[in-house]
PDB file of N, CA and C in Angstrom:
ATOM      1  N   UNK A   1       0.960  -1.011   0.141  1.00  0.00           N
ATOM      2  CA  UNK A   1       0.079  -0.064   0.003  1.00  0.00           C
ATOM      3  C   UNK A   1       0.838   1.316   0.057  1.00  0.00           C
ATOM      4  N   UNK A   2       0.418   2.121  -0.720  1.00  0.00           N
ATOM      5  CA  UNK A   2       1.520   3.528  -0.913  1.00  0.00           C
ATOM      6  C   UNK A   2       1.091   4.318   0.185  1.00  0.00           C
ATOM      7  N   UNK A   3       1.883   5.146   0.658  1.00  0.00           N
ATOM      8  CA  UNK A   3       1.902   6.023   1.898  1.00  0.00           C
ATOM      9  C   UNK A   3       1.026   7.243   1.454  1.00  0.00           C
ATOM     10  N   UNK A   4       0.447   7.902   2.245  1.00  0.00           N
ATOM     11  CA  UNK A   4      -0.383   9.043   2.067  1.00  0.00           C
ATOM     12  C   UNK A   4       0.713  10.276   1.633  1.00  0.00           C
ATOM     13  N   UNK A   5       0.316  11.437   1.314  1.00  0.00           N
ATOM     14  CA  UNK A   5       1.209  12.260   0.807  1.00  0.00           C
ATOM     15  C   UNK A   5       2.173  12.950   1.897  1.00  0.00           C
ATOM     16  N   UNK A   6       1.392  13.098   3.135  1.00  0.00           N
ATOM     17  CA  UNK A   6       2.219  13.602   4.323  1.00  0.00           C
ATOM     18  C   UNK A   6       3.203  12.752   4.582  1.00  0.00           C
ATOM     19  N   UNK A   7       3.051  11.423   4.673  1.00  0.00           N
ATOM     20  CA  UNK A   7       4.116  10.597   5.252  1.00  0.00           C
ATOM     21  C   UNK A   7       5.284  10.477   3.984  1.00  0.00           C
ATOM     22  N   UNK A   8       4.773  10.449   2.678  1.00  0.00           N
ATOM     23  CA  UNK A   8       5.920  10.604   1.591  1.00  0.00           C
ATOM     24  C   UNK A   8       6.671  11.939   1.785  1.00  0.00           C
ATOM     25  N   UNK A   9       6.124  12.896   2.091  1.00  0.00           N
ATOM     26  CA  UNK A   9       6.867  14.234   2.331  1.00  0.00           C
ATOM     27  C   UNK A   9       7.852  14.038   3.596  1.00  0.00           C
ATOM     28  N   UNK A  10       7.316  13.505   4.437  1.00  0.00           N
ATOM     29  CA  UNK A  10       8.072  13.170   5.771  1.00  0.00           C
ATOM     30  C   UNK A  10       9.308  12.251   5.453  1.00  0.00           C
ATOM     31  N   UNK A  11       9.045  11.262   4.802  1.00  0.00           N
ATOM     32  CA  UNK A  11      10.047  10.391   4.221  1.00  0.00           C
ATOM     33  C   UNK A  11      11.010  11.277   3.443  1.00  0.00           C
ATOM     34  N   UNK A  12      10.659  11.793   2.402  1.00  0.00           N
ATOM     35  CA  UNK A  12      11.495  12.593   1.465  1.00  0.00           C
ATOM     36  C   UNK A  12      12.249  13.588   2.421  1.00  0.00           C
ATOM     37  N   UNK A  13      11.885  14.284   3.292  1.00  0.00           N
ATOM     38  CA  UNK A  13      12.658  15.310   3.927  1.00  0.00           C
ATOM     39  C   UNK A  13      13.650  14.525   4.818  1.00  0.00           C
ATOM     40  N   UNK A  14      13.393  13.342   5.216  1.00  0.00           N
ATOM     41  CA  UNK A  14      14.421  12.615   6.149  1.00  0.00           C
ATOM     42  C   UNK A  14      15.469  11.904   5.174  1.00  0.00           C
ATOM     43  N   UNK A  15      15.118  11.690   4.069  1.00  0.00           N
ATOM     44  CA  UNK A  15      16.211  11.241   3.155  1.00  0.00           C
ATOM     45  C   UNK A  15      16.852  12.250   2.621  1.00  0.00           C
ATOM     46  N   UNK A  16      16.366  13.385   2.380  1.00  0.00           N
ATOM     47  CA  UNK A  16      17.313  14.594   1.946  1.00  0.00           C
ATOM     48  C   UNK A  16      18.236  15.017   2.952  1.00  0.00           C
ATOM     49  N   UNK A  17      17.594  15.225   4.245  1.00  0.00           N
ATOM     50  CA  UNK A  17      18.461  15.465   5.616  1.00  0.00           C
ATOM     51  C   UNK A  17      19.663  14.452   5.890  1.00  0.00           C
ATOM     52  N   UNK A  18      19.668  13.077   5.350  1.00  0.00           N
ATOM     53  CA  UNK A  18      20.286  12.031   5.480  1.00  0.00           C
ATOM     54  C   UNK A  18      21.468  12.051   4.516  1.00  0.00           C
ATOM     55  N   UNK A  19      21.225  12.632   3.349  1.00  0.00           N
ATOM     56  CA  UNK A  19      22.004  12.523   2.115  1.00  0.00           C
ATOM     57  C   UNK A  19      22.848  13.705   1.905  1.00  0.00           C
ATOM     58  N   UNK A  20      22.543  14.960   2.251  1.00  0.00           N
ATOM     59  CA  UNK A  20      23.098  16.160   2.075  1.00  0.00           C
ATOM     60  C   UNK A  20      23.441  17.000   3.113  1.00  0.00           C
ATOM     61  N   UNK A  21      24.868  17.213   3.204  1.00  0.00           N
ATOM     62  CA  UNK A  21      25.534  17.695   4.456  1.00  0.00           C
ATOM     63  C   UNK A  21      25.144  19.131   4.721  1.00  0.00           C
ATOM     64  N   UNK A  22      24.087  19.348   5.530  1.00  0.00           N
ATOM     65  CA  UNK A  22      23.892  20.647   5.710  1.00  0.00           C
ATOM     66  C   UNK A  22      24.904  21.405   6.710  1.00  0.00           C
ATOM     67  N   UNK A  23      25.457  20.482   7.555  1.00  0.00           N
ATOM     68  CA  UNK A  23      26.312  20.947   8.639  1.00  0.00           C
ATOM     69  C   UNK A  23      27.753  21.396   8.202  1.00  0.00           C
ATOM     70  N   UNK A  24      27.880  21.168   6.843  1.00  0.00           N
ATOM     71  CA  UNK A  24      29.264  21.558   6.260  1.00  0.00           C
ATOM     72  C   UNK A  24      29.559  22.769   6.616  1.00  0.00           C
ATOM     73  N   UNK A  25      30.864  23.143   7.038  1.00  0.00           N
ATOM     74  CA  UNK A  25      31.487  24.324   7.450  1.00  0.00           C
ATOM     75  C   UNK A  25      31.574  25.277   6.127  1.00  0.00           C
ATOM     76  N   UNK A  26      31.236  26.482   6.092  1.00  0.00           N
ATOM     77  CA  UNK A  26      31.303  27.262   4.892  1.00  0.00           C
ATOM     78  C   UNK A  26      32.788  27.079   4.113  1.00  0.00           C
ATOM     79  N   UNK A  27      33.680  27.101   4.894  1.00  0.00           N
ATOM     80  CA  UNK A  27      35.131  27.054   4.373  1.00  0.00           C
ATOM     81  C   UNK A  27      35.311  25.679   3.393  1.00  0.00           C
ATOM     82  N   UNK A  28      34.720  24.848   3.907  1.00  0.00           N
ATOM     83  CA  UNK A  28      34.549  23.543   3.151  1.00  0.00           C
ATOM     84  C   UNK A  28      33.669  23.539   1.772  1.00  0.00           C
ATOM     85  N   UNK A  29      32.609  24.002   2.077  1.00  0.00           N
ATOM     86  CA  UNK A  29      31.553  24.174   1.129  1.00  0.00           C
ATOM     87  C   UNK A  29      32.153  25.192  -0.125  1.00  0.00           C
ATOM     88  N   UNK A  30      33.052  26.259   0.238  1.00  0.00           N
ATOM     89  CA  UNK A  30      33.590  27.043  -0.822  1.00  0.00           C
ATOM     90  C   UNK A  30      34.897  26.571  -1.024  1.00  0.00           C
ATOM     91  N   UNK A  31      35.096  25.610  -1.908  1.00  0.00           N
ATOM     92  CA  UNK A  31      36.474  25.201  -2.094  1.00  0.00           C
ATOM     93  C   UNK A  31      37.161  25.859  -3.484  1.00  0.00           C
ATOM     94  N   UNK A  32      37.493  25.719  -4.210  1.00  0.00           N
ATOM     95  CA  UNK A  32      37.929  26.547  -5.505  1.00  0.00           C
ATOM     96  C   UNK A  32      36.916  26.051  -6.367  1.00  0.00           C
ATOM     97  N   UNK A  33      36.616  24.930  -6.433  1.00  0.00           N
ATOM     98  CA  UNK A  33      35.688  24.511  -7.615  1.00  0.00           C
ATOM     99  C   UNK A  33      34.233  24.982  -7.448  1.00  0.00           C
ATOM    100  N   UNK A  34      33.677  25.658  -8.376  1.00  0.00           N
ATOM    101  CA  UNK A  34      32.325  26.399  -8.180  1.00  0.00           C
ATOM    102  C   UNK A  34      31.529  26.339  -9.457  1.00  0.00           C
ATOM    103  N   UNK A  35      30.573  25.278  -9.587  1.00  0.00           N
ATOM    104  CA  UNK A  35      29.565  25.345 -10.699  1.00  0.00           C
ATOM    105  C   UNK A  35      28.329  25.614 -10.182  1.00  0.00           C
ATOM    106  N   UNK A  36      28.253  26.582  -9.404  1.00  0.00           N
ATOM    107  CA  UNK A  36      27.002  27.061  -8.414  1.00  0.00           C
ATOM    108  C   UNK A  36      27.449  27.117  -7.031  1.00  0.00           C
ATOM    109  N   UNK A  37      26.910  28.032  -6.383  1.00  0.00           N
ATOM    110  CA  UNK A  37      27.372  28.419  -4.897  1.00  0.00           C
ATOM    111  C   UNK A  37      26.858  27.337  -4.071  1.00  0.00           C
ATOM    112  N   UNK A  38      27.571  26.540  -3.492  1.00  0.00           N
ATOM    113  CA  UNK A  38      27.230  25.588  -3.018  1.00  0.00           C
ATOM    114  C   UNK A  38      26.513  25.925  -1.579  1.00  0.00           C
ATOM    115  N   UNK A  39      27.124  26.984  -0.964  1.00  0.00           N
ATOM    116  CA  UNK A  39      26.508  27.465   0.380  1.00  0.00           C
ATOM    117  C   UNK A  39      25.317  27.941   0.203  1.00  0.00           C
ATOM    118  N   UNK A  40      25.017  28.869  -0.772  1.00  0.00           N
ATOM    119  CA  UNK A  40      23.607  29.196  -0.872  1.00  0.00           C
ATOM    120  C   UNK A  40      22.810  28.383  -1.243  1.00  0.00           C
ATOM    121  N   UNK A  41      23.151  27.214  -2.180  1.00  0.00           N
ATOM    122  CA  UNK A  41      22.135  26.053  -2.485  1.00  0.00           C
ATOM    123  C   UNK A  41      21.889  25.278  -1.352  1.00  0.00           C
ATOM    124  N   UNK A  42      22.714  25.070  -0.357  1.00  0.00           N
ATOM    125  CA  UNK A  42      22.358  24.350   0.928  1.00  0.00           C
ATOM    126  C   UNK A  42      21.358  25.180   1.697  1.00  0.00           C
ATOM    127  N   UNK A  43      21.779  26.505   1.801  1.00  0.00           N
ATOM    128  CA  UNK A  43      20.832  27.397   2.815  1.00  0.00           C
ATOM    129  C   UNK A  43      19.435  27.422   1.987  1.00  0.00           C
ATOM    130  N   UNK A  44      19.347  27.408   0.693  1.00  0.00           N
ATOM    131  CA  UNK A  44      17.846  27.463   0.203  1.00  0.00           C
ATOM    132  C   UNK A  44      17.022  26.169   0.314  1.00  0.00           C
ATOM    133  N   UNK A  45      17.933  25.143   0.156  1.00  0.00           N
ATOM    134  CA  UNK A  45      17.174  23.701   0.478  1.00  0.00           C
ATOM    135  C   UNK A  45      16.842  23.558   1.955  1.00  0.00           C
ATOM    136  N   UNK A  46      17.796  23.979   2.988  1.00  0.00           N
ATOM    137  CA  UNK A  46      17.339  23.902   4.190  1.00  0.00           C
ATOM    138  C   UNK A  46      16.217  24.682   4.614  1.00  0.00           C
ATOM    139  N   UNK A  47      16.182  25.790   4.235  1.00  0.00           N
ATOM    140  CA  UNK A  47      15.117  26.753   4.378  1.00  0.00           C
ATOM    141  C   UNK A  47      13.650  26.098   3.815  1.00  0.00           C
ATOM    142  N   UNK A  48      13.677  25.411   2.578  1.00  0.00           N
ATOM    143  CA  UNK A  48      12.736  24.757   2.152  1.00  0.00           C
ATOM    144  C   UNK A  48      12.242  23.576   2.848  1.00  0.00           C
ATOM    145  N   UNK A  49      13.360  22.741   3.660  1.00  0.00           N
ATOM    146  CA  UNK A  49      12.751  21.616   4.271  1.00  0.00           C
ATOM    147  C   UNK A  49      12.179  22.391   5.691  1.00  0.00           C
ATOM    148  N   UNK A  50      12.640  23.322   6.295  1.00  0.00           N
ATOM    149  CA  UNK A  50      12.398  24.098   7.395  1.00  0.00           C
ATOM    150  C   UNK A  50      10.930  24.258   7.149  1.00  0.00           C
ATOM    151  N   UNK A  51      10.758  24.831   6.192  1.00  0.00           N
ATOM    152  CA  UNK A  51       9.344  25.403   5.829  1.00  0.00           C
ATOM    153  C   UNK A  51       8.132  24.355   5.593  1.00  0.00           C
ATOM    154  N   UNK A  52       8.791  22.957   4.981  1.00  0.00           N
ATOM    155  CA  UNK A  52       7.646  21.985   4.876  1.00  0.00           C
ATOM    156  C   UNK A  52       7.521  21.306   6.397  1.00  0.00           C
ATOM    157  N   UNK A  53       8.570  21.241   6.999  1.00  0.00           N
ATOM    158  CA  UNK A  53       8.420  20.463   8.314  1.00  0.00           C
ATOM    159  C   UNK A  53       7.422  21.347   9.425  1.00  0.00           C
ATOM    160  N   UNK A  54       7.496  22.707   9.096  1.00  0.00           N
ATOM    161  CA  UNK A  54       6.491  23.590   9.881  1.00  0.00           C
ATOM    162  C   UNK A  54       5.236  23.492   9.301  1.00  0.00           C
ATOM    163  N   UNK A  55       5.031  23.464   7.888  1.00  0.00           N
ATOM    164  CA  UNK A  55       3.678  23.391   7.397  1.00  0.00           C
ATOM    165  C   UNK A  55       3.042  21.919   7.757  1.00  0.00           C
ATOM    166  N   UNK A  56       3.920  20.829   7.710  1.00  0.00           N
ATOM    167  CA  UNK A  56       3.379  19.627   8.091  1.00  0.00           C
ATOM    168  C   UNK A  56       3.014  19.492   9.564  1.00  0.00           C
ATOM    169  N   UNK A  57       3.703  20.204  10.482  1.00  0.00           N
ATOM    170  CA  UNK A  57       3.315  20.243  11.763  1.00  0.00           C
ATOM    171  C   UNK A  57       2.120  20.864  11.866  1.00  0.00           C
ATOM    172  N   UNK A  58       1.877  21.843  11.230  1.00  0.00           N
ATOM    173  CA  UNK A  58       0.700  22.647  11.276  1.00  0.00           C
ATOM    174  C   UNK A  58      -0.550  22.051  10.640  1.00  0.00           C
ATOM    175  N   UNK A  59      -0.319  20.853  10.105  1.00  0.00           N
ATOM    176  CA  UNK A  59      -1.469  20.070   9.475  1.00  0.00           C
ATOM    177  C   UNK A  59      -1.581  20.184   7.928  1.00  0.00           C
ATOM    178  N   UNK A  60      -0.775  20.978   7.594  1.00  0.00           N
ATOM    179  CA  UNK A  60      -0.999  20.995   5.985  1.00  0.00           C
ATOM    180  C   UNK A  60      -0.929  19.532   5.310  1.00  0.00           C
ATOM    181  N   UNK A  61      -1.489  19.508   4.265  1.00  0.00           N
ATOM    182  CA  UNK A  61      -1.194  18.057   3.438  1.00  0.00           C
ATOM    183  C   UNK A  61      -0.713  18.373   2.357  1.00  0.00           C
ATOM    184  N   UNK A  62       0.529  18.040   1.795  1.00  0.00           N
ATOM    185  CA  UNK A  62       1.111  18.285   0.617  1.00  0.00           C
ATOM    186  C   UNK A  62       0.358  17.466  -0.676  1.00  0.00           C
ATOM    187  N   UNK A  63       0.586  18.224  -1.762  1.00  0.00           N
ATOM    188  CA  UNK A  63       0.107  17.234  -2.998  1.00  0.00           C
ATOM    189  C   UNK A  63       1.356  16.545  -3.627  1.00  0.00           C
ATOM    190  N   UNK A  64       1.040  16.040  -4.635  1.00  0.00           N
ATOM    191  CA  UNK A  64       1.878  15.076  -5.345  1.00  0.00           C
ATOM    192  C   UNK A  64       3.025  16.231  -6.000  1.00  0.00           C
ATOM    193  N   UNK A  65       2.487  17.018  -6.495  1.00  0.00           N
ATOM    194  CA  UNK A  65       3.152  18.278  -7.136  1.00  0.00           C
ATOM    195  C   UNK A  65       4.325  18.901  -6.121  1.00  0.00           C
ATOM    196  N   UNK A  66       4.019  19.197  -4.920  1.00  0.00           N
ATOM    197  CA  UNK A  66       4.749  19.457  -3.807  1.00  0.00           C
ATOM    198  C   UNK A  66       6.057  18.671  -3.518  1.00  0.00           C
ATOM    199  N   UNK A  67       5.745  17.198  -3.571  1.00  0.00           N
ATOM    200  CA  UNK A  67       6.850  16.290  -3.165  1.00  0.00           C
ATOM    201  C   UNK A  67       7.484  16.173  -4.420  1.00  0.00           C
ATOM    202  N   UNK A  68       6.996  16.334  -5.698  1.00  0.00           N
ATOM    203  CA  UNK A  68       7.852  16.151  -6.782  1.00  0.00           C
ATOM    204  C   UNK A  68       8.787  17.342  -6.963  1.00  0.00           C
ATOM    205  N   UNK A  69       8.257  18.675  -6.776  1.00  0.00           N
ATOM    206  CA  UNK A  69       9.297  19.789  -6.877  1.00  0.00           C
ATOM    207  C   UNK A  69      10.234  19.670  -5.813  1.00  0.00           C
ATOM    208  N   UNK A  70       9.993  19.311  -4.563  1.00  0.00           N
ATOM    209  CA  UNK A  70      11.122  19.182  -3.505  1.00  0.00           C
ATOM    210  C   UNK A  70      12.227  18.190  -3.828  1.00  0.00           C
ATOM    211  N   UNK A  71      11.454  17.114  -4.383  1.00  0.00           N
ATOM    212  CA  UNK A  71      12.610  15.846  -4.768  1.00  0.00           C
ATOM    213  C   UNK A  71      13.356  16.325  -6.105  1.00  0.00           C
ATOM    214  N   UNK A  72      12.708  17.187  -7.023  1.00  0.00           N
ATOM    215  CA  UNK A  72      13.614  17.489  -8.292  1.00  0.00           C
ATOM    216  C   UNK A  72      14.707  18.531  -7.797  1.00  0.00           C
ATOM    217  N   UNK A  73      14.250  19.685  -6.822  1.00  0.00           N
ATOM    218  CA  UNK A  73      15.199  20.585  -6.479  1.00  0.00           C
ATOM    219  C   UNK A  73      16.277  20.112  -5.660  1.00  0.00           C
ATOM    220  N   UNK A  74      16.070  18.917  -4.702  1.00  0.00           N
ATOM    221  CA  UNK A  74      17.121  18.275  -3.951  1.00  0.00           C
ATOM    222  C   UNK A  74      18.131  17.408  -5.083  1.00  0.00           C
ATOM    223  N   UNK A  75      17.566  17.055  -5.927  1.00  0.00           N
ATOM    224  CA  UNK A  75      18.156  16.126  -6.991  1.00  0.00           C
ATOM    225  C   UNK A  75      19.311  17.109  -7.689  1.00  0.00           C
ATOM    226  N   UNK A  76      18.753  18.249  -8.203  1.00  0.00           N
ATOM    227  CA  UNK A  76      19.479  19.250  -8.952  1.00  0.00           C
ATOM    228  C   UNK A  76      20.696  19.863  -7.882  1.00  0.00           C
ATOM    229  N   UNK A  77      20.124  20.051  -6.663  1.00  0.00           N
ATOM    230  CA  UNK A  77      21.301  20.666  -5.742  1.00  0.00           C
ATOM    231  C   UNK A  77      22.388  19.514  -5.572  1.00  0.00           C
ATOM    232  N   UNK A  78      21.943  18.538  -5.293  1.00  0.00           N
ATOM    233  CA  UNK A  78      22.912  17.291  -5.077  1.00  0.00           C
ATOM    234  C   UNK A  78      23.796  17.126  -5.907  1.00  0.00           C
ATOM    235  N   UNK A  79      23.286  17.361  -7.526  1.00  0.00           N
ATOM    236  CA  UNK A  79      24.258  17.092  -8.387  1.00  0.00           C
ATOM    237  C   UNK A  79      25.320  18.258  -8.579  1.00  0.00           C
ATOM    238  N   UNK A  80      24.913  19.689  -8.296  1.00  0.00           N
ATOM    239  CA  UNK A  80      25.761  20.548  -8.126  1.00  0.00           C
ATOM    240  C   UNK A  80      26.728  20.465  -7.113  1.00  0.00           C
ATOM    241  N   UNK A  81      26.430  19.813  -6.097  1.00  0.00           N
ATOM    242  CA  UNK A  81      27.453  19.555  -4.742  1.00  0.00           C
ATOM    243  C   UNK A  81      28.190  18.376  -5.269  1.00  0.00           C
ATOM    244  N   UNK A  82      28.025  17.355  -5.973  1.00  0.00           N
ATOM    245  CA  UNK A  82      28.606  16.439  -6.459  1.00  0.00           C
ATOM    246  C   UNK A  82      29.797  16.972  -7.743  1.00  0.00           C
ATOM    247  N   UNK A  83      29.213  17.986  -8.638  1.00  0.00           N
ATOM    248  CA  UNK A  83      30.221  18.728  -9.360  1.00  0.00           C
ATOM    249  C   UNK A  83      31.206  19.374  -8.646  1.00  0.00           C
ATOM    250  N   UNK A  84      30.828  19.944  -7.519  1.00  0.00           N
ATOM    251  CA  UNK A  84      31.782  20.880  -6.716  1.00  0.00           C
ATOM    252  C   UNK A  84      32.449  19.697  -5.869  1.00  0.00           C
ATOM    253  N   UNK A  85      32.783  18.553  -5.940  1.00  0.00           N
ATOM    254  CA  UNK A  85      33.383  17.622  -5.286  1.00  0.00           C
ATOM    255  C   UNK A  85      33.103  17.611  -3.975  1.00  0.00           C
ATOM    256  N   UNK A  86      31.843  17.724  -3.294  1.00  0.00           N
ATOM    257  CA  UNK A  86      31.321  17.814  -1.990  1.00  0.00           C
ATOM    258  C   UNK A  86      30.757  16.631  -1.431  1.00  0.00           C
ATOM    259  N   UNK A  87      30.209  15.725  -2.520  1.00  0.00           N
ATOM    260  CA  UNK A  87      29.327  14.748  -2.079  1.00  0.00           C
ATOM    261  C   UNK A  87      29.702  13.627  -3.142  1.00  0.00           C
ATOM    262  N   UNK A  88      29.463  12.293  -2.918  1.00  0.00           N
ATOM    263  CA  UNK A  88      29.730  11.281  -3.893  1.00  0.00           C
ATOM    264  C   UNK A  88      28.618  11.359  -4.961  1.00  0.00           C
ATOM    265  N   UNK A  89      28.746  10.497  -6.125  1.00  0.00           N
ATOM    266  CA  UNK A  89      27.760  10.532  -7.105  1.00  0.00           C
ATOM    267  C   UNK A  89      26.565  10.041  -6.668  1.00  0.00           C
ATOM    268  N   UNK A  90      25.366  10.548  -7.278  1.00  0.00           N
ATOM    269  CA  UNK A  90      24.036  10.285  -6.918  1.00  0.00           C
ATOM    270  C   UNK A  90      23.657   8.902  -7.160  1.00  0.00           C
ATOM    271  N   UNK A  91      22.926   7.957  -6.157  1.00  0.00           N
ATOM    272  CA  UNK A  91      22.735   6.567  -6.485  1.00  0.00           C
ATOM    273  C   UNK A  91      21.207   6.634  -6.302  1.00  0.00           C
ATOM    274  N   UNK A  92      20.269   6.477  -7.495  1.00  0.00           N
ATOM    275  CA  UNK A  92      18.892   6.543  -7.339  1.00  0.00           C
ATOM    276  C   UNK A  92      18.309   5.185  -7.330  1.00  0.00           C
TER     277      UNK A  92
END
Protein backbone atom coordinates (compact mmCIF):
# COMPACT_ATOMS: atom_id res chain seq x y z
CA UNK A 1 0.00 0.00 0.00
CA UNK A 2 1.32 3.44 -0.91
CA UNK A 3 1.84 6.01 1.86
CA UNK A 4 -0.29 9.13 2.03
CA UNK A 5 1.30 12.35 0.78
CA UNK A 6 2.10 13.60 4.28
CA UNK A 7 4.06 10.44 5.08
CA UNK A 8 5.74 10.55 1.67
CA UNK A 9 6.84 14.17 2.26
CA UNK A 10 8.15 13.32 5.74
CA UNK A 11 10.09 10.38 4.30
CA UNK A 12 11.51 12.56 1.52
CA UNK A 13 12.62 15.21 4.00
CA UNK A 14 14.31 12.55 6.12
CA UNK A 15 16.12 11.12 3.07
CA UNK A 16 17.29 14.57 1.98
CA UNK A 17 18.57 15.42 5.47
CA UNK A 18 20.49 12.13 5.62
CA UNK A 19 22.15 12.53 2.18
CA UNK A 20 22.98 16.23 1.99
CA UNK A 21 25.61 17.69 4.36
CA UNK A 22 23.79 20.74 5.76
CA UNK A 23 26.27 20.99 8.64
CA UNK A 24 29.24 21.42 6.29
CA UNK A 25 31.43 24.38 7.32
CA UNK A 26 31.33 27.29 4.89
CA UNK A 27 35.09 27.05 4.34
CA UNK A 28 34.66 23.48 3.12
CA UNK A 29 31.61 24.28 0.96
CA UNK A 30 33.52 27.08 -0.77
CA UNK A 31 36.46 25.11 -2.11
CA UNK A 32 37.84 26.55 -5.38
CA UNK A 33 35.63 24.48 -7.62
CA UNK A 34 32.40 26.34 -8.21
CA UNK A 35 29.70 25.16 -10.59
CA UNK A 36 27.09 26.95 -8.50
CA UNK A 37 27.32 28.43 -5.01
CA UNK A 38 27.17 25.38 -2.76
CA UNK A 39 26.60 27.45 0.38
CA UNK A 40 23.64 29.33 -1.09
CA UNK A 41 22.12 26.14 -2.47
CA UNK A 42 22.45 24.42 0.93
CA UNK A 43 20.82 27.40 2.64
CA UNK A 44 18.01 27.46 0.08
CA UNK A 45 17.29 23.75 0.45
CA UNK A 46 17.49 23.88 4.25
CA UNK A 47 14.97 26.75 4.23
CA UNK A 48 12.63 24.72 2.00
CA UNK A 49 12.88 21.71 4.33
CA UNK A 50 12.28 23.82 7.45
CA UNK A 51 9.27 25.38 5.76
CA UNK A 52 7.79 21.99 4.87
CA UNK A 53 8.49 20.60 8.35
CA UNK A 54 6.64 23.56 9.85
CA UNK A 55 3.76 23.26 7.42
CA UNK A 56 3.43 19.52 8.08
CA UNK A 57 3.42 20.15 11.83
CA UNK A 58 0.61 22.69 11.27
CA UNK A 59 -1.44 19.98 9.56
CA UNK A 60 -0.99 21.04 5.94
CA UNK A 61 -1.25 18.20 3.44
CA UNK A 62 1.17 18.36 0.52
CA UNK A 63 0.05 17.27 -2.92
CA UNK A 64 2.06 15.11 -5.32
CA UNK A 65 3.30 18.20 -7.15
CA UNK A 66 4.80 19.55 -3.91
CA UNK A 67 6.63 16.28 -3.33
CA UNK A 68 7.85 16.15 -6.92
CA UNK A 69 9.11 19.77 -6.80
CA UNK A 70 11.04 19.20 -3.58
CA UNK A 71 12.53 15.96 -4.88
CA UNK A 72 13.55 17.58 -8.18
CA UNK A 73 15.15 20.58 -6.44
CA UNK A 74 17.02 18.30 -4.07
CA UNK A 75 18.38 16.15 -6.89
CA UNK A 76 19.54 19.21 -8.84
CA UNK A 77 21.26 20.65 -5.76
CA UNK A 78 22.87 17.30 -4.98
CA UNK A 79 24.26 17.14 -8.52
CA UNK A 80 25.79 20.62 -8.16
CA UNK A 81 27.33 19.56 -4.84
CA UNK A 82 28.75 16.50 -6.61
CA UNK A 83 30.21 18.64 -9.42
CA UNK A 84 31.82 20.76 -6.69
CA UNK A 85 33.27 17.52 -5.26
CA UNK A 86 31.43 17.83 -1.93
CA UNK A 87 29.33 14.64 -2.08
CA UNK A 88 29.67 11.23 -3.77
CA UNK A 89 27.76 10.49 -7.02
CA UNK A 90 24.00 10.19 -6.70
CA UNK A 91 22.65 6.65 -6.56
CA UNK A 92 18.95 6.49 -7.38
